């Protein structure tokens, strides 16, 4: 199988329109959107999660407890 990727289009008298970018360009583009603020957001449930983790539970029980906590906060 042979695949191609369109990197840019250049028409006469028009600016070049780039499609293929580097990872650095992707990172810069994401920083210019609201996506960046979501990545930097802290854990709003940190206190509750820390309390669950501190309890004497198995890892599976902790996972279920944290899942239920998040479900109760979101729904």
N, C-alpha and C. Protein backbone atom coordinates (compact mmCIF):
# COMPACT_ATOMS: atom_id res chain seq x y z
N UNK A 1 0.84 -1.17 0.00
CA UNK A 1 0.00 0.00 0.00
C UNK A 1 0.89 1.24 0.00
N UNK A 2 0.51 2.20 -0.77
CA UNK A 2 1.24 3.45 -0.88
C UNK A 2 0.34 4.58 -0.41
N UNK A 3 0.83 5.41 0.51
CA UNK A 3 0.04 6.53 1.03
C UNK A 3 0.80 7.82 0.84
N UNK A 4 0.06 8.90 0.63
CA UNK A 4 0.64 10.22 0.49
C UNK A 4 0.00 11.16 1.50
N UNK A 5 0.73 12.20 1.83
CA UNK A 5 0.21 13.23 2.72
C UNK A 5 0.39 14.58 2.05
N UNK A 6 -0.69 15.34 1.95
CA UNK A 6 -0.63 16.67 1.36
C UNK A 6 0.03 17.62 2.35
N UNK A 7 1.14 18.21 1.96
CA UNK A 7 1.86 19.09 2.88
C UNK A 7 1.49 20.55 2.69
N UNK A 8 1.27 20.97 1.45
CA UNK A 8 0.89 22.36 1.21
C UNK A 8 0.33 22.53 -0.18
N UNK A 9 -0.40 23.64 -0.35
CA UNK A 9 -0.93 24.01 -1.66
C UNK A 9 -0.42 25.40 -1.98
N UNK A 10 0.09 25.56 -3.20
CA UNK A 10 0.58 26.87 -3.64
C UNK A 10 -0.03 27.19 -4.99
N UNK A 11 -0.93 28.17 -5.01
CA UNK A 11 -1.52 28.65 -6.25
C UNK A 11 -0.87 29.98 -6.60
N UNK A 12 -0.77 30.28 -7.88
CA UNK A 12 -0.20 31.58 -8.28
C UNK A 12 -1.00 32.74 -7.66
N UNK A 13 -0.29 33.72 -7.18
CA UNK A 13 -0.88 34.94 -6.62
C UNK A 13 -1.68 34.69 -5.34
N UNK A 14 -1.45 33.57 -4.69
CA UNK A 14 -2.13 33.23 -3.44
C UNK A 14 -1.08 32.84 -2.40
N UNK A 15 -1.37 33.08 -1.13
CA UNK A 15 -0.41 32.63 -0.11
C UNK A 15 -0.37 31.10 -0.04
N UNK A 16 0.76 30.58 0.32
CA UNK A 16 0.91 29.13 0.46
C UNK A 16 0.09 28.67 1.66
N UNK A 17 -0.66 27.61 1.47
CA UNK A 17 -1.49 27.06 2.54
C UNK A 17 -0.87 25.73 2.98
N UNK A 18 -0.32 25.69 4.19
CA UNK A 18 0.35 24.50 4.71
C UNK A 18 -0.63 23.61 5.45
N UNK A 19 -0.47 22.31 5.29
CA UNK A 19 -1.29 21.33 5.98
C UNK A 19 -0.45 20.44 6.88
N UNK A 20 0.67 20.01 6.40
CA UNK A 20 1.55 19.15 7.18
C UNK A 20 2.48 20.03 8.01
N UNK A 21 2.53 19.75 9.30
CA UNK A 21 3.35 20.57 10.20
C UNK A 21 4.23 19.69 11.06
N UNK A 22 5.15 20.33 11.74
CA UNK A 22 6.01 19.60 12.68
C UNK A 22 5.28 19.50 14.02
N UNK A 23 5.81 18.68 14.92
CA UNK A 23 5.21 18.57 16.25
C UNK A 23 5.30 19.89 17.00
N UNK A 24 6.35 20.65 16.75
CA UNK A 24 6.47 21.97 17.38
C UNK A 24 5.36 22.89 16.90
N UNK A 25 5.02 22.82 15.61
CA UNK A 25 3.92 23.63 15.08
C UNK A 25 2.58 23.20 15.66
N UNK A 26 2.39 21.90 15.82
CA UNK A 26 1.16 21.39 16.43
C UNK A 26 1.05 21.90 17.86
N UNK A 27 2.15 21.84 18.60
CA UNK A 27 2.17 22.31 19.98
C UNK A 27 1.82 23.80 20.05
N UNK A 28 2.40 24.60 19.18
CA UNK A 28 2.11 26.04 19.15
C UNK A 28 0.64 26.29 18.81
N UNK A 29 0.11 25.54 17.87
CA UNK A 29 -1.30 25.71 17.48
C UNK A 29 -2.23 25.38 18.64
N UNK A 30 -1.92 24.32 19.38
CA UNK A 30 -2.75 23.95 20.53
C UNK A 30 -2.68 24.99 21.64
N UNK A 31 -1.52 25.60 21.81
CA UNK A 31 -1.37 26.63 22.83
C UNK A 31 -2.22 27.86 22.53
N UNK A 32 -2.55 28.07 21.27
CA UNK A 32 -3.34 29.23 20.87
C UNK A 32 -4.84 28.97 21.00
N UNK A 33 -5.22 27.79 21.44
CA UNK A 33 -6.63 27.44 21.59
C UNK A 33 -6.97 27.26 23.06
N UNK A 34 -8.23 27.02 23.34
CA UNK A 34 -8.65 26.78 24.72
C UNK A 34 -8.17 25.42 25.22
N UNK A 35 -7.69 24.56 24.34
CA UNK A 35 -7.19 23.25 24.73
C UNK A 35 -6.06 23.37 25.73
N UNK A 36 -5.22 24.38 25.58
CA UNK A 36 -4.08 24.57 26.47
C UNK A 36 -4.53 24.81 27.90
N UNK A 37 -5.57 25.60 28.10
CA UNK A 37 -6.04 25.87 29.46
C UNK A 37 -6.57 24.61 30.12
N UNK A 38 -7.17 23.72 29.34
CA UNK A 38 -7.67 22.46 29.90
C UNK A 38 -6.51 21.56 30.32
N UNK A 39 -5.42 21.61 29.60
CA UNK A 39 -4.25 20.80 29.94
C UNK A 39 -3.59 21.28 31.23
N UNK A 40 -3.69 22.56 31.50
CA UNK A 40 -3.06 23.13 32.68
C UNK A 40 -3.97 23.14 33.90
N UNK A 41 -5.20 22.72 33.73
CA UNK A 41 -6.16 22.73 34.82
C UNK A 41 -5.74 21.72 35.88
N UNK A 42 -5.86 22.09 37.12
CA UNK A 42 -5.52 21.20 38.22
C UNK A 42 -6.62 20.17 38.45
N UNK A 43 -6.43 19.33 39.42
CA UNK A 43 -7.39 18.30 39.76
C UNK A 43 -8.42 18.88 40.72
N UNK A 44 -9.65 19.11 40.28
CA UNK A 44 -10.64 19.71 41.17
C UNK A 44 -11.10 18.76 42.28
N UNK A 45 -10.76 17.48 42.18
CA UNK A 45 -11.17 16.49 43.17
C UNK A 45 -9.99 15.99 44.00
N UNK A 46 -8.91 16.75 44.05
CA UNK A 46 -7.69 16.29 44.71
C UNK A 46 -7.93 15.86 46.15
N UNK A 47 -8.65 16.67 46.93
CA UNK A 47 -8.86 16.35 48.35
C UNK A 47 -9.61 15.03 48.51
N UNK A 48 -10.70 14.87 47.74
CA UNK A 48 -11.48 13.64 47.84
C UNK A 48 -10.69 12.43 47.37
N UNK A 49 -9.92 12.59 46.30
CA UNK A 49 -9.11 11.47 45.79
C UNK A 49 -8.04 11.10 46.81
N UNK A 50 -7.40 12.09 47.42
CA UNK A 50 -6.38 11.80 48.44
C UNK A 50 -6.98 11.03 49.61
N UNK A 51 -8.21 11.38 49.99
CA UNK A 51 -8.88 10.66 51.08
C UNK A 51 -9.15 9.20 50.70
N UNK A 52 -9.55 8.98 49.46
CA UNK A 52 -9.80 7.61 49.00
C UNK A 52 -8.50 6.81 48.97
N UNK A 53 -7.44 7.41 48.45
CA UNK A 53 -6.15 6.73 48.33
C UNK A 53 -5.59 6.38 49.71
N UNK A 54 -5.85 7.22 50.70
CA UNK A 54 -5.32 7.00 52.05
C UNK A 54 -6.03 5.85 52.77
N UNK A 55 -7.21 5.48 52.31
CA UNK A 55 -7.95 4.39 52.97
C UNK A 55 -7.29 3.05 52.67
N UNK A 56 -7.56 2.09 53.54
CA UNK A 56 -6.99 0.75 53.39
C UNK A 56 -7.84 -0.05 52.39
N UNK A 57 -7.61 0.22 51.12
CA UNK A 57 -8.35 -0.46 50.05
C UNK A 57 -7.37 -1.08 49.08
N UNK A 58 -7.85 -2.08 48.35
CA UNK A 58 -7.03 -2.62 47.27
C UNK A 58 -7.01 -1.60 46.13
N UNK A 59 -6.10 -1.77 45.21
CA UNK A 59 -6.04 -0.86 44.06
C UNK A 59 -7.34 -0.88 43.27
N UNK A 60 -7.93 -2.06 43.11
CA UNK A 60 -9.20 -2.16 42.39
C UNK A 60 -10.31 -1.41 43.12
N UNK A 61 -10.35 -1.53 44.44
CA UNK A 61 -11.36 -0.82 45.23
C UNK A 61 -11.15 0.70 45.15
N UNK A 62 -9.90 1.13 45.16
CA UNK A 62 -9.60 2.56 45.02
C UNK A 62 -10.07 3.06 43.66
N UNK A 63 -9.80 2.28 42.64
CA UNK A 63 -10.21 2.65 41.28
C UNK A 63 -11.72 2.82 41.19
N UNK A 64 -12.45 1.87 41.74
CA UNK A 64 -13.91 1.93 41.71
C UNK A 64 -14.41 3.13 42.51
N UNK A 65 -13.82 3.38 43.67
CA UNK A 65 -14.23 4.51 44.51
C UNK A 65 -13.98 5.84 43.80
N UNK A 66 -12.84 5.97 43.16
CA UNK A 66 -12.52 7.21 42.44
C UNK A 66 -13.45 7.38 41.24
N UNK A 67 -13.71 6.30 40.53
CA UNK A 67 -14.64 6.35 39.40
C UNK A 67 -16.02 6.81 39.86
N UNK A 68 -16.51 6.25 40.96
CA UNK A 68 -17.83 6.65 41.48
C UNK A 68 -17.83 8.11 41.93
N UNK A 69 -16.73 8.56 42.52
CA UNK A 69 -16.62 9.96 42.92
C UNK A 69 -16.76 10.87 41.70
N UNK A 70 -16.00 10.58 40.66
CA UNK A 70 -16.03 11.41 39.46
C UNK A 70 -17.41 11.36 38.81
N UNK A 71 -18.01 10.18 38.75
CA UNK A 71 -19.35 10.07 38.18
C UNK A 71 -20.36 10.89 38.96
N UNK A 72 -20.25 10.90 40.28
CA UNK A 72 -21.20 11.66 41.10
C UNK A 72 -21.02 13.16 40.93
N UNK A 73 -19.81 13.59 40.64
CA UNK A 73 -19.54 15.02 40.46
C UNK A 73 -19.95 15.51 39.07
N UNK A 74 -19.87 14.64 38.09
CA UNK A 74 -20.12 15.05 36.71
C UNK A 74 -21.59 14.90 36.34
N UNK A 75 -22.25 13.86 36.82
CA UNK A 75 -23.65 13.64 36.43
C UNK A 75 -24.61 14.23 37.41
